[in-house]
N, C-alpha and C. Protein backbone atom coordinates (compact mmCIF):
# COMPACT_ATOMS: atom_id res chain seq x y z
N UNK A 1 -8.38 -14.52 -16.29
CA UNK A 1 -9.17 -14.77 -14.84
C UNK A 1 -8.73 -13.85 -13.83
N UNK A 2 -9.08 -13.16 -13.09
CA UNK A 2 -8.67 -12.41 -12.01
C UNK A 2 -9.25 -12.68 -10.72
N UNK A 3 -8.24 -12.99 -10.21
CA UNK A 3 -9.03 -13.12 -8.50
C UNK A 3 -8.21 -11.82 -7.43
N UNK A 4 -8.50 -11.79 -6.81
CA UNK A 4 -8.04 -10.66 -5.37
C UNK A 4 -7.61 -11.20 -4.47
N UNK A 5 -6.56 -10.73 -3.82
CA UNK A 5 -5.72 -11.31 -2.64
C UNK A 5 -5.38 -9.90 -2.15
N UNK A 6 -5.54 -9.88 -0.40
CA UNK A 6 -5.61 -8.51 -0.02
C UNK A 6 -4.60 -9.00 1.40
N UNK A 7 -4.36 -7.52 1.82
CA UNK A 7 -3.60 -7.38 3.22
C UNK A 7 -4.16 -6.38 3.84
N UNK A 8 -4.60 -6.04 5.09
CA UNK A 8 -5.16 -5.21 5.74
C UNK A 8 -4.45 -4.68 6.91
N UNK A 9 -4.38 -3.49 7.24
CA UNK A 9 -4.11 -3.03 8.65
C UNK A 9 -2.25 -3.18 8.47
N UNK A 10 -1.79 -2.47 7.42
CA UNK A 10 -0.02 -2.47 7.88
C UNK A 10 -0.01 -1.56 8.36
N UNK A 11 0.41 -1.57 9.52
CA UNK A 11 0.82 -0.01 10.47
C UNK A 11 2.49 0.43 10.45
N UNK A 12 2.21 1.60 10.06
CA UNK A 12 3.68 2.33 9.77
C UNK A 12 3.71 3.26 10.49
N UNK A 13 4.79 3.63 11.07
CA UNK A 13 5.53 4.79 11.62
C UNK A 13 6.31 5.61 10.74
N UNK A 14 5.81 6.78 10.00
CA UNK A 14 6.71 7.39 9.30
C UNK A 14 6.47 8.91 9.41
N UNK A 15 7.59 9.71 8.51
CA UNK A 15 7.69 11.14 8.64
C UNK A 15 6.76 12.12 7.61
N UNK A 16 6.03 11.07 7.14
CA UNK A 16 5.31 11.58 5.69
C UNK A 16 4.53 12.72 6.36
N UNK A 17 4.40 13.88 5.33
CA UNK A 17 3.36 14.84 5.29
C UNK A 17 3.53 16.34 4.88
N UNK A 18 2.46 16.95 4.85
CA UNK A 18 2.58 18.42 4.48
C UNK A 18 4.11 19.32 5.69
N UNK A 19 3.58 19.28 6.44
CA UNK A 19 3.66 20.40 7.36
C UNK A 19 5.31 19.82 8.20
N UNK A 20 6.12 20.88 8.40
CA UNK A 20 7.25 20.48 9.35
C UNK A 20 7.08 19.54 10.69
N UNK A 21 6.32 19.86 11.15
CA UNK A 21 5.96 19.18 12.47
C UNK A 21 5.61 17.48 12.15
N UNK A 22 5.10 17.21 11.02
CA UNK A 22 5.08 16.00 10.49
C UNK A 22 6.27 14.99 10.13
N UNK A 23 7.22 16.10 9.47
CA UNK A 23 8.17 15.59 9.54
C UNK A 23 8.85 15.33 10.72
N UNK A 24 9.06 16.26 11.61
CA UNK A 24 9.95 16.17 12.87
C UNK A 24 9.45 14.92 13.54
N UNK A 25 8.10 14.96 14.10
CA UNK A 25 7.52 14.15 15.05
C UNK A 25 6.92 12.47 14.46
N UNK A 26 6.72 12.87 13.00
CA UNK A 26 6.18 11.45 12.53
C UNK A 26 5.06 10.62 13.14
N UNK A 27 4.26 10.19 12.68
CA UNK A 27 2.96 9.80 12.99
C UNK A 27 2.72 8.09 12.12
N UNK A 28 1.59 7.71 12.61
CA UNK A 28 1.07 6.52 12.35
C UNK A 28 0.22 6.59 10.96
N UNK A 29 0.57 5.45 9.91
CA UNK A 29 0.00 5.23 8.77
C UNK A 29 -0.59 4.01 8.47
N UNK A 30 -1.78 3.76 8.16
CA UNK A 30 -2.15 2.39 7.96
C UNK A 30 -2.42 2.02 6.53
N UNK A 31 -2.04 0.87 6.00
CA UNK A 31 -2.12 0.97 4.86
C UNK A 31 -3.03 -0.24 4.35
N UNK A 32 -4.15 -0.61 3.28
CA UNK A 32 -4.61 -1.68 3.14
C UNK A 32 -4.19 -1.77 1.66
N UNK A 33 -4.16 -3.33 1.22
CA UNK A 33 -4.01 -3.07 -0.16
C UNK A 33 -4.35 -4.48 -0.82
N UNK A 34 -4.64 -4.52 -2.25
CA UNK A 34 -5.19 -5.71 -2.91
C UNK A 34 -4.66 -5.43 -3.82
N UNK A 35 -4.58 -6.54 -4.56
CA UNK A 35 -4.10 -7.08 -5.65
C UNK A 35 -4.41 -8.04 -6.41
N UNK A 36 -4.69 -7.60 -8.19
CA UNK A 36 -5.58 -8.87 -8.60
C UNK A 36 -4.65 -9.96 -9.26
N UNK A 37 -4.95 -10.89 -9.50
CA UNK A 37 -3.76 -11.96 -10.27
C UNK A 37 -4.52 -13.16 -10.66
N UNK A 38 -4.47 -14.33 -11.71
CA UNK A 38 -4.87 -15.43 -11.83
C UNK A 38 -4.36 -16.13 -10.97
N UNK A 39 -5.17 -16.69 -9.82
CA UNK A 39 -4.71 -17.35 -8.42
C UNK A 39 -4.93 -18.78 -8.91
N UNK A 40 -5.65 -19.04 -10.14
CA UNK A 40 -5.88 -20.70 -10.32
C UNK A 40 -4.85 -21.39 -10.65
N UNK A 41 -3.51 -20.87 -11.20
CA UNK A 41 -2.36 -21.99 -11.39
C UNK A 41 -1.87 -22.35 -9.56
N UNK A 42 -1.84 -21.17 -8.91
CA UNK A 42 -1.29 -21.48 -7.74
C UNK A 42 -2.44 -22.53 -7.02
N UNK A 43 -3.66 -22.22 -7.08
CA UNK A 43 -4.63 -22.94 -6.31
C UNK A 43 -4.24 -24.27 -6.55
N UNK A 44 -4.42 -24.55 -8.43
CA UNK A 44 -4.73 -25.69 -8.50
C UNK A 44 -3.37 -26.81 -8.15
N UNK A 45 -2.15 -26.05 -8.08
CA UNK A 45 -0.92 -26.94 -7.93
C UNK A 45 -0.45 -26.60 -6.35
N UNK A 46 -1.35 -25.88 -5.39
CA UNK A 46 -1.01 -25.44 -4.13
C UNK A 46 0.53 -25.64 -4.14
N UNK A 47 0.98 -24.21 -4.90
CA UNK A 47 2.14 -23.75 -5.33
C UNK A 47 2.45 -22.27 -4.69
N UNK A 48 3.36 -22.12 -3.84
CA UNK A 48 3.26 -20.71 -3.63
C UNK A 48 4.35 -19.79 -4.75
N UNK A 49 4.93 -20.39 -5.06
CA UNK A 49 5.79 -19.78 -6.15
C UNK A 49 5.19 -19.27 -7.53
N UNK A 50 3.76 -19.91 -7.60
CA UNK A 50 2.92 -19.32 -8.60
C UNK A 50 2.01 -18.15 -7.91
N UNK A 51 1.99 -17.57 -7.14
CA UNK A 51 1.61 -16.36 -6.57
C UNK A 51 2.12 -15.18 -6.48
N UNK A 52 1.75 -14.29 -5.59
CA UNK A 52 2.35 -13.08 -5.21
C UNK A 52 1.88 -13.38 -3.56
N UNK A 53 3.10 -13.27 -2.93
CA UNK A 53 2.90 -13.64 -1.47
C UNK A 53 2.53 -12.43 -0.48
N UNK A 54 1.93 -12.36 0.93
CA UNK A 54 1.46 -11.40 1.60
C UNK A 54 2.74 -10.80 1.94
N UNK A 55 4.06 -11.55 2.30
CA UNK A 55 4.99 -11.43 2.66
C UNK A 55 5.87 -10.36 1.68
N UNK A 56 5.78 -10.55 0.86
CA UNK A 56 6.76 -10.06 -0.27
C UNK A 56 6.04 -8.48 -0.60
N UNK A 57 4.50 -8.92 -0.44
CA UNK A 57 3.82 -7.42 -0.65
C UNK A 57 3.95 -6.54 0.55
N UNK A 58 4.00 -6.98 1.69
CA UNK A 58 4.70 -6.22 2.74
C UNK A 58 5.60 -5.76 3.17
N UNK A 59 6.75 -6.49 2.55
CA UNK A 59 8.24 -5.76 2.49
C UNK A 59 8.29 -4.75 1.80
N UNK A 60 6.87 -4.78 0.50
CA UNK A 60 7.36 -3.98 -0.70
C UNK A 60 6.95 -2.54 -0.20
N UNK A 61 5.60 -2.63 0.49
CA UNK A 61 5.04 -1.53 1.25
C UNK A 61 5.83 -0.52 2.50
N UNK A 62 6.44 -1.51 3.35
CA UNK A 62 7.46 -1.13 4.21
C UNK A 62 8.77 -0.25 3.22
N UNK A 63 9.39 -1.07 2.47
CA UNK A 63 10.36 -0.20 1.84
C UNK A 63 10.10 1.15 1.17
N UNK A 64 8.78 1.33 0.52
CA UNK A 64 8.03 2.19 0.00
C UNK A 64 8.28 3.28 0.73
N UNK A 65 7.53 3.26 1.93
CA UNK A 65 7.50 4.05 3.03
C UNK A 65 8.90 4.58 3.66
N UNK A 66 9.55 3.80 3.47
CA UNK A 66 11.20 4.06 4.07
C UNK A 66 12.04 4.69 3.20
N UNK A 67 11.78 4.84 1.85
CA UNK A 67 12.73 5.44 0.85
C UNK A 67 12.93 7.01 1.16
N UNK A 68 11.40 7.35 1.12
CA UNK A 68 11.56 8.84 1.14
C UNK A 68 10.70 9.45 2.04
N UNK A 69 10.38 10.68 2.39
CA UNK A 69 9.42 11.32 2.80
C UNK A 69 8.40 11.85 1.99
N UNK A 70 7.02 11.41 2.02
CA UNK A 70 6.01 11.99 0.82
C UNK A 70 4.85 13.05 1.94
N UNK A 71 4.90 13.91 0.92
CA UNK A 71 4.06 15.51 1.19
C UNK A 71 2.67 15.07 1.21
N UNK A 72 2.41 14.19 0.30
CA UNK A 72 0.81 14.36 0.31
C UNK A 72 0.35 12.64 0.47
N UNK A 73 -0.88 12.03 0.44
CA UNK A 73 -0.82 10.72 0.50
C UNK A 73 -1.34 10.08 -0.63
N UNK A 74 -1.74 11.11 -1.62
CA UNK A 74 -1.40 10.69 -3.15
C UNK A 74 -0.19 10.14 -3.58
N UNK A 75 0.46 10.88 -3.30
CA UNK A 75 2.00 10.35 -3.69
C UNK A 75 2.62 8.93 -2.92
N UNK A 76 2.26 8.87 -1.62
CA UNK A 76 2.45 7.83 -1.05
C UNK A 76 1.93 6.91 -1.61
N UNK A 77 0.62 6.66 -1.76
CA UNK A 77 -0.20 5.32 -2.11
C UNK A 77 0.42 5.26 -3.86
N UNK A 78 0.56 6.13 -4.36
CA UNK A 78 1.07 6.00 -5.94
C UNK A 78 2.37 5.48 -6.12
N UNK A 79 3.04 5.48 -5.28
CA UNK A 79 4.73 4.64 -5.14
C UNK A 79 4.44 3.80 -4.58
N UNK A 80 3.52 3.31 -3.76
CA UNK A 80 3.20 2.25 -3.31
C UNK A 80 2.86 0.88 -4.49
N UNK A 81 1.58 1.51 -5.23
CA UNK A 81 0.93 0.89 -6.31
C UNK A 81 2.27 0.95 -7.31
N UNK A 82 2.76 1.78 -7.57
CA UNK A 82 3.99 1.73 -8.96
C UNK A 82 5.03 0.28 -8.40
N UNK A 83 5.51 0.01 -7.03
CA UNK A 83 6.35 -0.75 -6.81
C UNK A 83 5.85 -2.05 -6.82
N UNK A 84 4.41 -2.26 -6.74
CA UNK A 84 4.16 -3.71 -6.46
C UNK A 84 3.89 -3.77 -7.81
N UNK A 85 3.14 -2.97 -9.06
CA UNK A 85 3.32 -3.42 -10.25
C UNK A 85 4.78 -3.23 -11.07
N UNK A 86 5.59 -2.94 -10.44
CA UNK A 86 6.94 -3.10 -11.36
C UNK A 86 7.88 -4.74 -10.48
N UNK A 87 7.27 -4.92 -9.18
CA UNK A 87 7.82 -5.87 -8.76
C UNK A 87 7.51 -7.22 -9.21
N UNK A 88 6.09 -7.07 -9.29
CA UNK A 88 5.59 -8.53 -9.45
C UNK A 88 4.54 -8.56 -10.91
N UNK A 89 5.24 -8.89 -11.75
CA UNK A 89 4.85 -9.11 -13.02
C UNK A 89 3.20 -10.00 -13.11
N UNK A 90 2.93 -10.64 -12.10
CA UNK A 90 2.09 -11.61 -11.95
C UNK A 90 0.50 -10.89 -11.51
N UNK A 91 0.84 -9.50 -10.77
CA UNK A 91 -0.19 -8.65 -10.51
C UNK A 91 -0.61 -7.99 -11.78
N UNK A 92 -2.21 -8.08 -11.98
CA UNK A 92 -2.83 -7.23 -13.06
C UNK A 92 -3.02 -5.82 -12.62
N UNK A 93 -3.54 -5.81 -11.31
CA UNK A 93 -4.13 -4.83 -10.81
C UNK A 93 -3.69 -4.40 -9.56
N UNK A 94 -3.96 -3.38 -8.79
CA UNK A 94 -3.35 -3.23 -6.93
C UNK A 94 -4.14 -2.17 -6.86
N UNK A 95 -4.66 -1.88 -5.52
CA UNK A 95 -5.45 -1.04 -4.75
C UNK A 95 -5.35 -0.69 -3.65
N UNK A 96 -4.66 0.35 -3.56
CA UNK A 96 -3.58 0.86 -2.47
C UNK A 96 -4.75 1.80 -1.42
N UNK A 97 -4.81 1.77 -0.19
CA UNK A 97 -5.83 2.79 0.71
C UNK A 97 -4.50 3.28 1.84
N UNK A 98 -4.23 4.42 1.81
CA UNK A 98 -3.44 4.65 2.68
C UNK A 98 -4.42 5.49 3.95
N UNK A 99 -4.26 5.13 5.05
CA UNK A 99 -5.18 5.79 6.19
C UNK A 99 -4.34 6.72 6.64
N UNK A 100 -4.33 8.08 7.23
CA UNK A 100 -3.57 9.17 8.27
C UNK A 100 -4.78 9.61 9.58
N UNK A 101 -4.51 8.46 10.29
CA UNK A 101 -6.08 8.64 11.43
C UNK A 101 -5.58 9.97 12.33
N UNK A 102 -4.19 10.04 12.31
CA UNK A 102 -3.67 11.67 13.35
C UNK A 102 -3.46 12.35 12.44
N UNK A 103 -3.94 12.80 11.25
CA UNK A 103 -3.82 13.71 10.60
C UNK A 103 -3.85 15.21 11.20
N UNK A 104 -3.44 16.32 11.26
CA UNK A 104 -3.30 17.77 11.72
C UNK A 104 -4.77 18.46 11.36
N UNK A 105 -5.92 17.76 11.92
CA UNK A 105 -6.88 18.57 11.30
C UNK A 105 -7.37 19.15 12.55
N UNK A 106 -7.82 20.44 12.45
CA UNK A 106 -8.66 21.21 14.05
C UNK A 106 -9.99 20.56 14.17
N UNK A 107 -10.10 19.59 14.44
CA UNK A 107 -11.70 18.81 14.69
C UNK A 107 -11.99 17.43 15.00
N UNK A 108 -12.66 16.65 15.17
CA UNK A 108 -12.92 15.59 15.48
C UNK A 108 -13.58 14.54 14.50
N UNK A 109 -12.52 13.37 13.92
CA UNK A 109 -12.61 12.67 13.11
C UNK A 109 -12.21 11.21 13.57
N UNK A 110 -12.62 10.51 12.61
CA UNK A 110 -11.88 9.01 13.19
C UNK A 110 -10.69 8.74 12.20
N UNK A 111 -10.60 9.04 10.80
CA UNK A 111 -10.04 8.65 9.76
C UNK A 111 -9.79 9.49 8.33
N UNK A 112 -8.94 9.61 7.62
CA UNK A 112 -8.60 10.16 6.77
C UNK A 112 -7.69 9.65 5.96
N UNK A 113 -8.03 9.50 4.48
CA UNK A 113 -6.87 8.85 3.62
C UNK A 113 -7.16 8.88 2.25
N UNK A 114 -6.91 7.89 1.36
CA UNK A 114 -6.79 8.21 -0.09
C UNK A 114 -6.96 6.60 -0.44
N UNK A 115 -7.40 6.31 -1.36
CA UNK A 115 -7.59 5.14 -2.50
C UNK A 115 -7.29 5.26 -3.64
N UNK A 116 -6.12 4.60 -4.24
CA UNK A 116 -6.17 4.75 -5.48
C UNK A 116 -5.95 3.45 -6.30
N UNK A 117 -6.14 3.37 -7.78
CA UNK A 117 -6.46 1.97 -8.24
C UNK A 117 -5.72 1.86 -9.39
N UNK A 118 -4.39 0.85 -9.70
CA UNK A 118 -4.01 1.43 -10.90
C UNK A 118 -3.70 0.03 -11.38
N UNK A 119 -3.44 -0.15 -13.25
CA UNK A 119 -3.84 -1.34 -13.64
C UNK A 119 -2.45 -1.55 -14.70
N UNK A 120 -2.05 -2.50 -15.11
CA UNK A 120 -0.95 -2.93 -16.16
C UNK A 120 -1.61 -2.05 -17.46
N UNK A 121 -1.39 -1.37 -18.11
CA UNK A 121 -1.61 -0.68 -19.50
C UNK A 121 -1.39 -1.73 -20.86
C-alpha cells in the first residue's frame, strides 16, 4: 500500500543557476515535494516514529540546497530526490518540483521549473 505525504512552498534563497550573476546575487527558489510510503502503521498506531515527518523532509531539502551550487534545476531536483530516498528507508517514491520564479528570461512569465519523480528500484 502506498500513501502520499506532501510539503508545499518551501522557499529558499540560494545561488544556483547557470550564469555568473545568479551565483553572485542569488535568487528565490520554491520546492514542492511529495513522498509515498505505507502510512497505515503510523496512522493505525498514531505514531510519528512510523512515518517520515515534514520537518525531517524540510531539513533535507534545505540541507541539499546549501551543500553546493547547482547550475541547472534538474540537478538540484535530482539531488533532493536522491537525498530523501537515501535518508528515509520508508519512502518508496518521491516527486520533487523546483520552481525558479525569477529566472533570467527576457520576457513576461509567471514561473519556470522542473518536476522529477524517482522510485526505489
